[in-house]
Amino acid sequence: MNIYTIYANDLVNYAKKDEQILNLKNSNTEDNYSLIDEENISKICFNETLTILNEKNEEVGEFVGKIRKSNSNTNPATLMIHLNSTNISEHGREIGLSVITTTTANFLSYEEKWSQWYSEESEITRKTVLISNKNNDGRVQIYTDLNNGELIDQTKNINLTKNKNLLTEGMNYAFLRYLAITGFEGTIKNKTAVTINGTLCKTIYECSIKDNYKINKVSIPVVTIKRVIQIKKSFKTSIVHMTTILTRLGYILQHSWGKKIDKKLVINKSMRITKDGFVHNDTMLHLKNNWEQDIRFKSLYLDKVSEMNIKYNTYIKNHGDVKDMIIDYIKALLLAKPDNVLQFSVDYFKQFKQF
């Protein structure tokens, strides 16, 4: 069992610091974004599926994100956030993540269970952090657990004015989408996150709406959000850089966790994107990209290939003139060595056209 410590005055100390982390180029801090209103709540509720790629751009897993509004009529509204991902590492190790979050739209009252695990040689190692500020009383309850053992209570009393800036992992996912759909541009420096080990850390968001992203031969305007996480209070300690590229409607096109993690998220190949940033599933494209994984379609394909081979071979066998025509065509092609093979072929076979 590992016991992780949270310092109760972390948030207060972070809030008092005026320096910018890493001397960010944009020196103007923009914290004048509004809380999520009813109109934007409906916009951020969605489902999306992303592909996990390794450094060789090979597909190694899948990420699924879901945000929906609770059926209960509360004010402010309650959001339900579910995140799941799995991937297989190069050494056969399966890695997974699961986040279940319930939060109010103003992010002041929340509960979250965040688990990460990896399996190797039939052994599973799991870390879990439970975070709760259900009563919105400035008292954040954080429990950490390793390998399904005893939960360690790390309840801390944090000043309410500081606590309102705390974003859990699930809340961060909704916050990124909110910043994208509202077109926010600037730097947000007053947020705090919680790591899987239960440690509080300062978070900076750098938002830009000036970029374009080319996908499927179409260039669309996007929102680029760089998230800088400072693991400890000292500016000399570990800093993590994450970059998320979203459409103007908040759908993730690409996400990277920085230089230390060689995995990245990208939009699924079967998804289509409109110029205004709406993402939808293309059934035919999905079938084209994944038919080999469907045993029924693969069987039909192999049957059809076998059928066509028999049909073509039988026809050529019964029509010697066709075989001679093909041999003459190949000879002419090798002699001419045309730059435009297609046009050469069209012109060559025109002589056999019957009027």
Protein backbone atom coordinates (compact mmCIF):
# COMPACT_ATOMS: atom_id res chain seq x y z
CA MET A 1 0.00 0.00 0.00
CA ASN A 2 1.33 3.42 -0.96
CA ILE A 3 0.17 6.42 1.02
CA TYR A 4 0.18 9.75 -0.80
CA THR A 5 0.10 13.10 0.97
CA ILE A 6 -1.78 16.26 0.03
CA TYR A 7 -0.70 19.55 1.52
CA ALA A 8 -3.78 21.41 2.71
CA ASN A 9 -2.43 24.85 1.81
CA ASP A 10 -1.30 23.92 -1.71
CA LEU A 11 -4.12 25.83 -3.34
CA VAL A 12 -3.56 28.89 -1.17
CA ASN A 13 0.14 28.96 -1.97
CA TYR A 14 -0.49 28.53 -5.68
CA ALA A 15 -3.06 31.30 -5.69
CA LYS A 16 -0.60 33.75 -4.09
CA LYS A 17 2.06 33.25 -6.78
CA ASP A 18 2.07 35.96 -9.45
CA GLU A 19 4.82 34.46 -11.63
CA GLN A 20 3.95 32.75 -14.87
CA ILE A 21 5.08 29.18 -15.34
CA LEU A 22 7.72 28.84 -18.09
CA ASN A 23 7.48 32.56 -19.00
CA LEU A 24 4.52 32.02 -21.31
CA LYS A 25 4.61 34.36 -24.32
CA ASN A 26 1.07 35.59 -23.76
CA SER A 27 1.49 37.73 -20.67
CA ASN A 28 -2.17 38.77 -20.55
CA THR A 29 -4.15 36.46 -18.32
CA GLU A 30 -7.74 36.07 -19.44
CA ASP A 31 -9.97 34.67 -16.71
CA ASN A 32 -13.16 36.43 -17.77
CA TYR A 33 -14.97 33.34 -19.07
CA SER A 34 -18.48 32.75 -17.79
CA LEU A 35 -19.90 29.68 -16.09
CA ILE A 36 -21.59 27.08 -18.25
CA ASP A 37 -25.12 28.27 -18.97
CA GLU A 38 -28.16 26.23 -20.05
CA GLU A 39 -27.48 26.80 -23.75
CA ASN A 40 -23.89 25.59 -23.53
CA ILE A 41 -24.85 22.63 -21.35
CA SER A 42 -26.78 21.12 -24.26
CA LYS A 43 -23.81 21.75 -26.56
CA ILE A 44 -21.22 19.99 -24.42
CA CYS A 45 -23.37 16.85 -23.99
CA PHE A 46 -22.10 14.33 -26.55
CA ASN A 47 -20.35 10.99 -27.19
CA GLU A 48 -17.09 10.52 -29.05
CA THR A 49 -14.69 7.67 -29.82
CA LEU A 50 -11.00 8.23 -30.53
CA THR A 51 -8.21 5.92 -31.65
CA ILE A 52 -5.03 5.47 -29.57
CA LEU A 53 -1.84 5.41 -31.67
CA ASN A 54 1.73 4.55 -30.66
CA GLU A 55 4.87 6.34 -31.87
CA LYS A 56 4.74 4.28 -35.11
CA ASN A 57 1.17 5.49 -35.74
CA GLU A 58 -0.14 1.96 -35.20
CA GLU A 59 -3.59 1.56 -33.65
CA VAL A 60 -3.19 0.11 -30.16
CA GLY A 61 -6.46 0.99 -28.43
CA GLU A 62 -9.58 3.08 -28.13
CA PHE A 63 -10.78 6.00 -26.03
CA VAL A 64 -14.47 6.73 -25.39
CA GLY A 65 -15.77 9.95 -23.85
CA LYS A 66 -19.38 10.69 -22.87
CA ILE A 67 -21.02 13.75 -21.32
CA ARG A 68 -24.73 13.93 -20.59
CA LYS A 69 -27.05 16.03 -18.48
CA SER A 70 -28.64 14.40 -15.45
CA ASN A 71 -32.37 13.71 -15.63
CA SER A 72 -32.90 15.40 -12.26
CA ASN A 73 -34.14 19.00 -12.46
CA THR A 74 -31.51 20.68 -10.31
CA ASN A 75 -30.16 24.21 -10.45
CA PRO A 76 -27.43 24.40 -11.49
CA ALA A 77 -27.74 21.40 -13.80
CA THR A 78 -25.76 18.22 -13.09
CA LEU A 79 -23.43 16.66 -15.65
CA MET A 80 -22.54 12.96 -15.87
CA ILE A 81 -19.09 12.34 -17.40
CA HIS A 82 -17.73 8.90 -18.35
CA LEU A 83 -14.24 8.31 -19.79
CA ASN A 84 -12.81 4.91 -20.73
CA SER A 85 -9.70 3.84 -22.60
CA THR A 86 -7.71 0.67 -23.19
CA ASN A 87 -4.58 -0.01 -25.18
CA ILE A 88 -2.10 -2.82 -25.63
CA SER A 89 1.56 -1.89 -25.24
CA GLU A 90 4.33 -3.29 -27.45
CA HIS A 91 5.24 -5.85 -24.78
CA GLY A 92 1.73 -7.26 -24.48
CA ARG A 93 0.82 -5.17 -21.46
CA GLU A 94 -2.76 -3.90 -21.35
CA ILE A 95 -3.25 -0.40 -19.96
CA GLY A 96 -6.65 1.03 -19.02
CA LEU A 97 -8.33 4.13 -17.64
CA SER A 98 -11.81 4.72 -16.25
CA VAL A 99 -13.26 8.00 -15.00
CA ILE A 100 -16.80 8.44 -13.66
CA THR A 101 -17.69 12.00 -12.65
CA THR A 102 -20.81 13.75 -11.40
CA THR A 103 -20.54 17.53 -11.24
CA THR A 104 -22.68 20.62 -11.25
CA ALA A 105 -22.34 22.93 -14.25
CA ASN A 106 -20.49 25.49 -12.12
CA PHE A 107 -18.01 22.81 -10.96
CA LEU A 108 -18.59 23.58 -7.26
CA SER A 109 -20.14 20.28 -6.19
CA TYR A 110 -18.72 17.03 -7.55
CA GLU A 111 -17.81 13.39 -7.05
CA GLU A 112 -15.32 11.38 -9.08
CA LYS A 113 -13.80 7.91 -9.25
CA TRP A 114 -10.66 7.78 -11.40
CA SER A 115 -8.90 4.43 -11.92
CA GLN A 116 -5.84 3.46 -13.93
CA TRP A 117 -4.48 -0.06 -14.28
CA TYR A 118 -2.11 -2.20 -16.27
CA SER A 119 -1.91 -5.96 -16.60
CA GLU A 120 1.25 -7.97 -17.16
CA GLU A 121 1.67 -11.74 -16.95
CA SER A 122 -1.82 -12.19 -15.46
CA GLU A 123 -1.11 -9.63 -12.73
CA ILE A 124 -3.10 -6.40 -12.52
CA THR A 125 -1.78 -3.25 -10.88
CA ARG A 126 -4.44 -0.64 -10.18
CA LYS A 127 -4.44 2.91 -8.81
CA THR A 128 -7.65 4.66 -7.80
CA VAL A 129 -8.42 8.11 -6.49
CA LEU A 130 -11.84 9.13 -5.16
CA ILE A 131 -12.57 12.87 -4.98
CA SER A 132 -15.64 14.47 -3.44
CA ASN A 133 -16.93 17.92 -2.58
CA LYS A 134 -20.54 16.86 -2.63
CA ASN A 135 -21.67 19.31 0.06
CA ASN A 136 -19.88 22.31 -1.49
CA ASP A 137 -18.58 23.29 1.96
CA GLY A 138 -14.91 23.83 1.12
CA ARG A 139 -14.04 20.37 2.43
CA VAL A 140 -12.50 18.19 -0.30
CA GLN A 141 -12.41 14.48 0.47
CA ILE A 142 -9.71 12.55 -1.39
CA TYR A 143 -9.11 8.82 -0.98
CA THR A 144 -6.26 6.95 -2.70
CA ASP A 145 -5.95 3.23 -3.19
CA LEU A 146 -3.38 0.85 -4.70
CA ASN A 147 -4.34 -2.64 -5.86
CA ASN A 148 -7.84 -2.60 -4.35
CA GLY A 149 -6.50 -2.30 -0.83
CA GLU A 150 -7.60 -0.08 2.01
CA LEU A 151 -8.59 3.45 1.03
CA ILE A 152 -6.49 6.19 2.55
CA ASP A 153 -8.59 9.19 3.66
CA GLN A 154 -6.85 12.44 2.76
CA THR A 155 -9.68 14.84 3.62
CA LYS A 156 -8.55 18.44 3.61
CA ASN A 157 -10.23 21.72 4.50
CA ILE A 158 -9.59 24.17 1.67
CA ASN A 159 -10.77 27.77 1.57
CA LEU A 160 -13.95 27.90 -0.49
CA THR A 161 -12.65 30.72 -2.72
CA LYS A 162 -9.68 28.53 -3.68
CA ASN A 163 -11.64 25.31 -3.93
CA LYS A 164 -13.90 26.62 -6.71
CA ASN A 165 -10.91 26.50 -9.09
CA LEU A 166 -10.28 22.77 -8.61
CA LEU A 167 -10.94 20.66 -11.73
CA THR A 168 -10.91 16.86 -11.50
CA GLU A 169 -9.95 14.72 -14.51
CA GLY A 170 -13.55 14.34 -15.71
CA MET A 171 -14.33 18.01 -15.11
CA ASN A 172 -11.25 18.96 -17.17
CA TYR A 173 -12.65 16.96 -20.09
CA ALA A 174 -15.90 18.95 -20.01
CA PHE A 175 -13.99 22.21 -19.46
CA LEU A 176 -11.89 21.69 -22.63
CA ARG A 177 -15.03 21.21 -24.71
CA TYR A 178 -16.64 24.27 -23.08
CA LEU A 179 -13.64 26.48 -23.92
CA ALA A 180 -13.76 25.28 -27.54
CA ILE A 181 -17.47 25.89 -28.18
CA THR A 182 -17.35 29.34 -26.56
CA GLY A 183 -14.33 30.29 -28.66
CA PHE A 184 -12.30 31.36 -25.64
CA GLU A 185 -8.84 32.73 -26.43
CA GLY A 186 -6.19 33.62 -23.87
CA THR A 187 -4.51 32.13 -20.80
CA ILE A 188 -6.22 30.76 -17.69
CA LYS A 189 -3.86 30.46 -14.72
CA ASN A 190 -6.12 29.99 -11.70
CA LYS A 191 -7.03 26.29 -12.05
CA THR A 192 -5.85 23.34 -9.96
CA ALA A 193 -5.94 19.62 -10.76
CA VAL A 194 -5.62 16.35 -8.82
CA THR A 195 -3.24 13.60 -9.99
CA ILE A 196 -3.97 9.88 -9.86
CA ASN A 197 -1.77 9.83 -6.74
CA GLY A 198 -4.06 12.36 -5.03
CA THR A 199 -1.61 15.27 -5.25
CA LEU A 200 -2.81 18.79 -5.97
CA CYS A 201 -1.06 20.62 -8.79
CA LYS A 202 -1.39 23.93 -10.59
CA THR A 203 -2.80 23.95 -14.13
CA ILE A 204 -2.51 26.56 -16.87
CA TYR A 205 -4.65 26.59 -20.03
CA GLU A 206 -3.38 28.37 -23.15
CA CYS A 207 -6.18 28.69 -25.72
CA SER A 208 -5.78 29.72 -29.37
CA ILE A 209 -8.52 29.98 -32.04
CA LYS A 210 -6.23 31.10 -34.86
CA ASP A 211 -5.20 27.65 -36.11
CA ASN A 212 -6.45 25.44 -38.93
CA TYR A 213 -6.27 21.66 -39.12
CA LYS A 214 -6.16 19.65 -42.34
CA ILE A 215 -8.00 16.35 -42.27
CA ASN A 216 -9.36 14.27 -45.17
CA LYS A 217 -8.02 16.94 -47.58
CA VAL A 218 -10.20 19.59 -45.91
CA SER A 219 -8.81 22.44 -43.79
CA ILE A 220 -11.09 23.50 -40.93
CA PRO A 221 -10.72 26.13 -38.18
CA VAL A 222 -9.87 24.59 -34.81
CA VAL A 223 -9.21 25.49 -31.19
CA THR A 224 -5.80 24.52 -29.80
CA ILE A 225 -5.58 24.18 -26.02
CA LYS A 226 -2.22 23.65 -24.33
CA ARG A 227 -2.50 22.44 -20.76
CA VAL A 228 0.55 22.92 -18.55
CA ILE A 229 0.58 20.98 -15.27
CA GLN A 230 3.08 21.76 -12.52
CA ILE A 231 3.31 18.66 -10.33
CA LYS A 232 4.71 20.41 -7.23
CA LYS A 233 4.96 23.93 -5.85
CA SER A 234 8.55 24.54 -6.91
CA PHE A 235 9.07 25.88 -10.44
CA LYS A 236 12.09 23.56 -10.79
CA THR A 237 10.01 20.40 -10.47
CA SER A 238 8.31 18.27 -13.11
CA ILE A 239 6.10 20.03 -15.64
CA VAL A 240 3.76 18.19 -18.01
CA HIS A 241 2.63 19.63 -21.33
CA MET A 242 -0.57 18.38 -22.97
CA THR A 243 -1.97 19.62 -26.28
CA THR A 244 -5.55 19.12 -27.44
CA ILE A 245 -6.86 20.14 -30.86
CA LEU A 246 -10.66 20.46 -31.03
CA THR A 247 -13.17 21.57 -33.63
CA ARG A 248 -15.12 24.77 -32.97
CA LEU A 249 -17.95 22.50 -31.75
CA GLY A 250 -15.67 20.84 -29.21
CA TYR A 251 -14.89 17.46 -30.79
CA ILE A 252 -11.34 16.26 -30.20
CA LEU A 253 -9.29 15.75 -33.37
CA GLN A 254 -5.97 15.03 -31.68
CA HIS A 255 -4.54 14.88 -28.16
CA SER A 256 -0.98 14.31 -26.94
CA TRP A 257 0.32 13.92 -23.39
CA GLY A 258 3.75 15.45 -23.96
CA LYS A 259 7.20 14.11 -24.79
CA LYS A 260 7.34 11.51 -22.01
CA ILE A 261 4.33 9.54 -23.31
CA ASP A 262 4.60 8.16 -26.84
CA LYS A 263 0.85 7.56 -27.23
CA LYS A 264 -1.64 10.01 -28.72
CA LEU A 265 -5.36 10.21 -29.46
CA VAL A 266 -6.65 10.88 -32.97
CA ILE A 267 -10.09 10.99 -34.52
CA ASN A 268 -11.40 7.65 -35.74
CA LYS A 269 -10.86 6.95 -39.47
CA SER A 270 -14.56 6.28 -39.97
CA MET A 271 -15.57 9.76 -38.81
CA ARG A 272 -16.43 12.63 -41.14
CA ILE A 273 -15.99 16.30 -40.25
CA THR A 274 -17.98 19.19 -41.68
CA LYS A 275 -16.39 22.59 -42.25
CA ASP A 276 -18.18 24.02 -39.21
CA GLY A 277 -16.63 21.32 -37.00
CA PHE A 278 -19.45 18.79 -36.62
CA VAL A 279 -18.20 15.20 -36.38
CA HIS A 280 -20.36 12.26 -37.43
CA ASN A 281 -19.92 8.58 -38.22
CA ASP A 282 -19.77 7.55 -41.89
CA THR A 283 -21.21 4.02 -42.04
CA MET A 284 -19.78 3.21 -45.47
CA LEU A 285 -16.35 4.55 -44.54
CA HIS A 286 -16.42 2.53 -41.32
CA LEU A 287 -17.27 -0.60 -43.32
CA LYS A 288 -14.47 0.15 -45.79
CA ASN A 289 -11.89 0.56 -43.02
CA ASN A 290 -13.03 -2.32 -40.81
CA TRP A 291 -14.59 -4.99 -43.04
CA GLU A 292 -11.65 -7.36 -42.50
CA GLN A 293 -12.49 -7.49 -38.78
CA ASP A 294 -16.04 -8.63 -39.60
CA ILE A 295 -15.91 -12.38 -40.23
CA ARG A 296 -19.16 -12.28 -42.22
CA PHE A 297 -17.95 -9.62 -44.68
CA LYS A 298 -14.52 -11.20 -44.98
CA SER A 299 -16.09 -14.56 -45.81
CA LEU A 300 -18.31 -12.94 -48.48
CA TYR A 301 -15.28 -11.18 -49.94
CA LEU A 302 -13.21 -14.37 -50.17
CA ASP A 303 -16.14 -16.23 -51.74
CA LYS A 304 -16.55 -13.46 -54.31
CA VAL A 305 -12.82 -13.42 -55.15
CA SER A 306 -12.88 -17.18 -55.71
CA GLU A 307 -16.02 -16.91 -57.84
CA MET A 308 -14.59 -14.12 -60.04
CA ASN A 309 -11.26 -15.96 -60.53
CA ILE A 310 -13.08 -19.03 -61.81
CA LYS A 311 -15.29 -16.89 -64.04
CA TYR A 312 -12.40 -14.91 -65.59
CA ASN A 313 -10.16 -17.95 -66.08
CA THR A 314 -12.98 -19.86 -67.76
CA TYR A 315 -13.75 -16.94 -70.09
CA ILE A 316 -10.12 -16.50 -71.17
CA LYS A 317 -9.76 -20.25 -71.66
CA ASN A 318 -12.81 -20.26 -73.96
CA HIS A 319 -11.78 -17.08 -75.83
CA GLY A 320 -8.24 -17.38 -77.12
CA ASP A 321 -8.52 -14.08 -79.00
CA VAL A 322 -8.88 -12.20 -75.68
CA LYS A 323 -5.72 -13.80 -74.34
CA ASP A 324 -3.83 -12.83 -77.52
CA MET A 325 -5.19 -9.25 -77.19
CA ILE A 326 -3.90 -8.95 -73.64
CA ILE A 327 -0.46 -10.26 -74.65
CA ASP A 328 -0.26 -7.74 -77.51
CA TYR A 329 -1.33 -4.92 -75.16
CA ILE A 330 1.39 -5.75 -72.61
CA LYS A 331 4.02 -5.87 -75.36
CA ALA A 332 2.91 -2.46 -76.68
CA LEU A 333 2.92 -1.03 -73.15
CA LEU A 334 6.47 -2.23 -72.44
CA LEU A 335 7.74 -0.83 -75.73
CA ALA A 336 6.04 2.59 -75.42
CA LYS A 337 6.68 3.10 -71.68
CA PRO A 338 4.07 5.91 -71.61
CA ASP A 339 3.99 8.51 -68.80
CA ASN A 340 0.19 8.28 -68.71
CA VAL A 341 -0.61 4.57 -68.70
CA LEU A 342 -4.35 5.13 -68.37
CA GLN A 343 -4.60 7.37 -71.43
CA PHE A 344 -2.36 5.02 -73.41
CA SER A 345 -4.62 2.11 -72.54
CA VAL A 346 -7.76 4.03 -73.58
CA ASP A 347 -6.23 4.95 -76.94
CA TYR A 348 -4.91 1.43 -77.50
CA PHE A 349 -8.21 -0.35 -76.95
CA LYS A 350 -10.19 2.17 -79.02
CA GLN A 351 -9.09 0.27 -82.12
CA PHE A 352 -11.10 -2.73 -80.95
CA LYS A 353 -14.25 -0.73 -80.38
CA GLN A 354 -17.12 -1.83 -82.59
CA PHE A 355 -19.37 0.71 -84.17
